Amino acid sequence: MKPAFSALPGLLSPKGALMMDARFVEQVADLMHDTAFFIKDASGRYLVVNQSLVERHGLSDKSQMIGKRPCDVCPGDFGRIPTEQDAHVLRTGKPIIERLELFWRRPHVPVWGLTSKLPIRDETGRVTGLIGISKDLTALVNREEVPPAVALALRHLERSFDEAVSPSSLARKAGMSAARFARVIKRIHGISPMQLITKTRITAGSRLLLESDASIAEIALNCGFADHSAFTRAFRAVTSYSPSEYRRAKQLG
């Protein structure tokens, strides 16, 4: 079975060196003005960064970040937390998908953003680095509009999507009414809380279909679905494939 997230074969060498023209990657990434982009090696050190990430840290040149980890360029939790995230992704191979969190937008101005980090694997499935983006949400929400408890509620969803999670239970964890919580989630993610729960479960299910030999019924239960049929209906609605078709297509592709 092919490992998950192998869409970038050969991006990094066995020693973690970038094997494609960094200038080309940077040219594309620099077009993303409201999104930080980065590629890191197996030790979590920056190999490629875009101008948005440099400016976010109040730095003047990309060379001030290359070869360093987040904790080396950003003090306190704003450096510690992403460094720990990187270590977790690199150690476990589990991605982070659109995690709501505060980060710096030019030093000392925390703003909300959505961070995703995907492991990069070699042909043997070994994690050799990671690639990620962090999208600035200042155009959608300001810091005061989103209580920190919203991020904690969504972190709970990341960890407990296999349990009886509902929009109302997440709203309670966020300390908000169901209606206000739904408005905030819609502005951040563009979907309803229930759609976000389903999306989180489908994302986890798609990863398990690729990375494990578990049966589809087992994966359905592990992802919080009532049974095989409920998982199949939801999966097909999102991906246009049944779980078995998805697994087979990825194995062949």
Protein backbone atom coordinates (compact mmCIF):
# COMPACT_ATOMS: atom_id res chain seq x y z
CA MET A 1 0.00 0.00 0.00
CA LYS A 2 1.30 3.44 -0.83
CA PRO A 3 1.79 5.76 2.14
CA ALA A 4 -0.51 8.73 2.59
CA PHE A 5 0.54 12.13 1.36
CA SER A 6 3.00 10.73 -1.17
CA ALA A 7 1.94 13.29 -3.77
CA LEU A 8 5.35 14.93 -3.56
CA PRO A 9 7.77 12.01 -4.16
CA GLY A 10 11.39 13.04 -4.17
CA LEU A 11 10.70 16.49 -2.74
CA LEU A 12 13.21 15.79 0.01
CA SER A 13 16.26 13.55 -0.16
CA PRO A 14 16.79 10.77 2.43
CA LYS A 15 18.86 13.34 4.36
CA GLY A 16 16.10 15.94 4.23
CA ALA A 17 17.58 18.22 1.57
CA LEU A 18 15.25 19.93 -0.88
CA MET A 19 15.46 18.23 -4.28
CA MET A 20 13.65 20.80 -6.40
CA ASP A 21 14.41 24.39 -7.29
CA ALA A 22 13.58 26.41 -4.17
CA ARG A 23 13.34 29.57 -6.27
CA PHE A 24 10.39 28.13 -8.21
CA VAL A 25 8.62 27.09 -5.01
CA GLU A 26 9.20 30.53 -3.51
CA GLN A 27 7.89 32.33 -6.60
CA VAL A 28 4.59 30.47 -6.34
CA ALA A 29 4.37 30.77 -2.54
CA ASP A 30 5.12 34.49 -2.57
CA LEU A 31 1.86 35.03 -4.47
CA MET A 32 -0.06 33.97 -1.35
CA HIS A 33 -0.12 37.31 0.43
CA ASP A 34 -2.50 36.33 3.24
CA THR A 35 -1.07 32.85 3.72
CA ALA A 36 2.23 31.74 5.24
CA PHE A 37 3.87 28.84 3.38
CA PHE A 38 6.76 26.68 4.51
CA ILE A 39 8.64 23.45 3.93
CA LYS A 40 10.65 21.98 6.80
CA ASP A 41 13.15 19.16 7.11
CA ALA A 42 12.95 16.14 9.41
CA SER A 43 14.20 18.27 12.31
CA GLY A 44 11.52 20.92 11.83
CA ARG A 45 13.91 23.50 10.37
CA TYR A 46 12.73 25.83 7.60
CA LEU A 47 13.91 24.91 4.10
CA VAL A 48 11.55 27.17 2.16
CA VAL A 49 9.44 30.11 3.38
CA ASN A 50 7.36 32.67 1.56
CA GLN A 51 7.46 36.43 1.99
CA SER A 52 4.20 36.45 3.94
CA LEU A 53 5.73 34.29 6.69
CA VAL A 54 8.83 36.51 6.84
CA GLU A 55 6.72 39.65 7.17
CA ARG A 56 4.48 38.02 9.74
CA HIS A 57 7.51 37.75 12.02
CA GLY A 58 8.62 41.30 11.35
CA LEU A 59 11.79 40.12 9.61
CA SER A 60 13.34 41.63 6.52
CA ASP A 61 14.82 38.64 4.70
CA LYS A 62 14.10 34.94 4.24
CA SER A 63 17.67 34.09 5.23
CA GLN A 64 16.75 35.06 8.79
CA MET A 65 14.45 32.00 8.95
CA ILE A 66 16.12 29.34 6.79
CA GLY A 67 17.72 26.60 8.87
CA LYS A 68 15.87 27.64 12.02
CA ARG A 69 12.83 26.34 13.87
CA PRO A 70 9.84 28.48 14.89
CA CYS A 71 11.12 28.68 18.48
CA ASP A 72 14.36 30.17 17.16
CA VAL A 73 12.65 33.13 15.48
CA CYS A 74 9.57 33.71 17.65
CA PRO A 75 9.68 33.90 21.48
CA GLY A 76 7.19 32.44 23.93
CA ASP A 77 4.20 30.30 23.00
CA PHE A 78 4.11 31.72 19.47
CA GLY A 79 7.40 29.90 18.83
CA ARG A 80 7.04 26.97 21.21
CA ILE A 81 3.61 25.77 20.05
CA PRO A 82 4.38 25.46 16.30
CA THR A 83 7.72 23.81 17.13
CA GLU A 84 5.90 21.20 19.22
CA GLN A 85 3.31 20.76 16.45
CA ASP A 86 6.09 20.11 13.94
CA ALA A 87 7.69 17.53 16.22
CA HIS A 88 4.36 15.72 16.60
CA VAL A 89 3.68 15.62 12.84
CA LEU A 90 7.24 14.46 12.13
CA ARG A 91 7.12 11.79 14.84
CA THR A 92 3.64 10.39 14.20
CA GLY A 93 3.07 11.19 10.52
CA LYS A 94 -0.39 12.52 11.43
CA PRO A 95 -1.36 15.75 9.65
CA ILE A 96 -2.85 18.88 11.16
CA ILE A 97 -5.76 20.15 9.09
CA GLU A 98 -7.06 23.73 9.38
CA ARG A 99 -6.39 24.10 13.09
CA LEU A 100 -7.70 27.39 14.45
CA GLU A 101 -4.99 29.18 16.43
CA LEU A 102 -3.48 32.54 17.25
CA PHE A 103 -0.23 33.55 15.57
CA TRP A 104 1.74 36.72 15.09
CA ARG A 105 0.88 39.07 12.26
CA ARG A 106 3.89 41.32 12.59
CA PRO A 107 5.27 40.91 16.10
CA HIS A 108 3.07 41.56 19.10
CA VAL A 109 -0.19 41.63 17.09
CA PRO A 110 -1.81 38.19 17.58
CA VAL A 111 -4.43 37.26 14.99
CA TRP A 112 -6.50 34.16 14.25
CA GLY A 113 -5.51 31.80 11.48
CA LEU A 114 -5.99 28.28 10.13
CA THR A 115 -2.87 26.11 10.10
CA SER A 116 -2.38 22.88 8.14
CA LYS A 117 0.74 20.71 8.19
CA LEU A 118 1.19 17.56 6.10
CA PRO A 119 4.03 15.06 6.48
CA ILE A 120 6.27 14.47 3.47
CA ARG A 121 7.21 10.83 3.04
CA ASP A 122 9.83 9.05 0.96
CA GLU A 123 9.18 5.94 -1.11
CA THR A 124 9.45 3.73 1.98
CA GLY A 125 6.87 5.75 3.92
CA ARG A 126 9.40 7.37 6.25
CA VAL A 127 8.61 10.97 7.17
CA THR A 128 11.38 13.20 5.84
CA GLY A 129 9.83 16.61 6.47
CA LEU A 130 6.60 18.52 6.34
CA ILE A 131 4.87 21.11 4.20
CA GLY A 132 2.38 23.58 5.54
CA ILE A 133 0.33 26.73 5.25
CA SER A 134 -1.19 29.11 7.75
CA LYS A 135 -4.02 31.25 6.44
CA ASP A 136 -4.61 34.67 7.95
CA LEU A 137 -8.26 35.18 8.99
CA THR A 138 -8.09 38.89 9.78
CA ALA A 139 -10.29 39.69 6.78
CA LEU A 140 -13.00 37.43 8.21
CA VAL A 141 -12.78 37.79 11.99
CA ASN A 142 -10.86 39.92 14.43
CA ARG A 143 -9.33 38.67 17.63
CA GLU A 144 -12.10 40.07 19.84
CA GLU A 145 -14.86 38.31 17.87
CA VAL A 146 -13.54 34.82 18.62
CA PRO A 147 -13.13 33.81 22.26
CA PRO A 148 -10.06 31.59 22.87
CA ALA A 149 -12.47 28.86 24.03
CA VAL A 150 -13.57 28.42 20.40
CA ALA A 151 -10.11 27.12 19.53
CA LEU A 152 -10.26 24.80 22.54
CA ALA A 153 -13.64 23.47 21.41
CA LEU A 154 -12.30 22.77 17.93
CA ARG A 155 -9.20 21.11 19.41
CA HIS A 156 -11.61 18.87 21.33
CA LEU A 157 -13.24 17.97 18.01
CA GLU A 158 -9.82 17.03 16.58
CA ARG A 159 -9.20 14.66 19.49
CA SER A 160 -12.70 13.32 20.06
CA PHE A 161 -14.42 13.14 16.67
CA ASP A 162 -15.02 9.43 17.32
CA GLU A 163 -17.25 10.30 20.27
CA ALA A 164 -20.76 11.75 20.45
CA VAL A 165 -19.75 15.26 19.37
CA SER A 166 -22.51 17.64 18.30
CA PRO A 167 -22.76 21.32 17.35
CA SER A 168 -24.46 22.06 20.66
CA SER A 169 -21.79 20.27 22.70
CA LEU A 170 -19.04 22.19 20.90
CA ALA A 171 -20.92 25.46 21.45
CA ARG A 172 -21.09 24.70 25.19
CA LYS A 173 -17.34 24.06 25.30
CA ALA A 174 -16.80 27.38 23.54
CA GLY A 175 -19.03 29.11 26.09
CA MET A 176 -21.34 30.41 23.39
CA SER A 177 -24.92 29.99 22.28
CA ALA A 178 -25.44 27.48 19.47
CA ALA A 179 -26.50 30.28 17.11
CA ARG A 180 -23.46 32.47 17.81
CA PHE A 181 -21.10 29.50 17.59
CA ALA A 182 -22.60 28.57 14.21
CA ARG A 183 -22.07 32.13 12.92
CA VAL A 184 -18.43 32.14 14.02
CA ILE A 185 -17.72 28.72 12.48
CA LYS A 186 -19.42 29.78 9.25
CA ARG A 187 -17.21 32.87 9.01
CA ILE A 188 -14.03 30.92 9.76
CA HIS A 189 -14.59 27.70 7.83
CA GLY A 190 -17.40 28.63 5.45
CA ILE A 191 -19.51 25.69 6.61
CA SER A 192 -21.86 24.85 9.48
CA PRO A 193 -20.66 23.19 12.71
CA MET A 194 -22.30 19.91 11.66
CA GLN A 195 -20.56 20.05 8.29
CA LEU A 196 -17.28 20.71 10.10
CA ILE A 197 -17.80 17.65 12.30
CA THR A 198 -18.50 15.52 9.22
CA LYS A 199 -15.51 16.97 7.39
CA THR A 200 -13.24 16.19 10.35
CA ARG A 201 -14.49 12.61 10.50
CA ILE A 202 -14.18 12.10 6.73
CA THR A 203 -10.64 13.50 6.75
CA ALA A 204 -9.68 11.06 9.48
CA GLY A 205 -11.43 8.23 7.66
CA SER A 206 -9.62 8.93 4.40
CA ARG A 207 -6.28 8.83 6.22
CA LEU A 208 -7.15 5.51 7.89
CA LEU A 209 -8.23 4.04 4.55
CA LEU A 210 -4.74 4.73 3.21
CA GLU A 211 -2.59 4.10 6.26
CA SER A 212 -4.25 1.05 7.82
CA ASP A 213 -5.62 -2.32 6.81
CA ALA A 214 -8.64 -1.94 9.07
CA SER A 215 -12.00 -2.87 7.62
CA ILE A 216 -14.32 -0.12 6.47
CA ALA A 217 -16.73 -1.03 9.27
CA GLU A 218 -13.95 -0.60 11.84
CA ILE A 219 -12.90 2.73 10.34
CA ALA A 220 -16.51 3.92 10.38
CA LEU A 221 -16.79 3.28 14.10
CA ASN A 222 -13.35 4.75 14.81
CA CYS A 223 -14.40 7.95 13.07
CA GLY A 224 -17.64 8.41 14.97
CA PHE A 225 -20.13 7.04 12.43
CA ALA A 226 -22.98 4.82 13.57
CA ASP A 227 -22.18 2.10 11.06
CA HIS A 228 -20.61 1.20 7.71
CA SER A 229 -23.58 2.55 5.74
CA ALA A 230 -23.57 5.97 7.41
CA PHE A 231 -19.83 6.31 6.76
CA THR A 232 -20.23 5.26 3.13
CA ARG A 233 -23.04 7.76 2.48
CA ALA A 234 -21.13 10.65 4.05
CA PHE A 235 -17.85 9.69 2.37
CA ARG A 236 -19.42 9.45 -1.07
CA ALA A 237 -21.20 12.81 -0.60
CA VAL A 238 -17.86 14.51 0.12
CA THR A 239 -15.48 12.66 -2.22
CA SER A 240 -17.77 11.15 -4.89
CA TYR A 241 -16.16 7.77 -4.05
CA SER A 242 -17.25 4.99 -1.76
CA PRO A 243 -14.61 4.18 0.91
CA SER A 244 -13.64 0.97 -0.90
CA GLU A 245 -13.36 2.78 -4.25
CA TYR A 246 -11.22 5.47 -2.64
CA ARG A 247 -8.87 2.94 -1.04
CA ARG A 248 -8.58 0.97 -4.29
CA ALA A 249 -7.95 4.09 -6.41
CA LYS A 250 -5.19 5.31 -4.12
CA GLN A 251 -3.54 1.88 -4.06
CA LEU A 252 -3.54 1.76 -7.86
CA GLY A 253 -2.61 5.41 -8.35
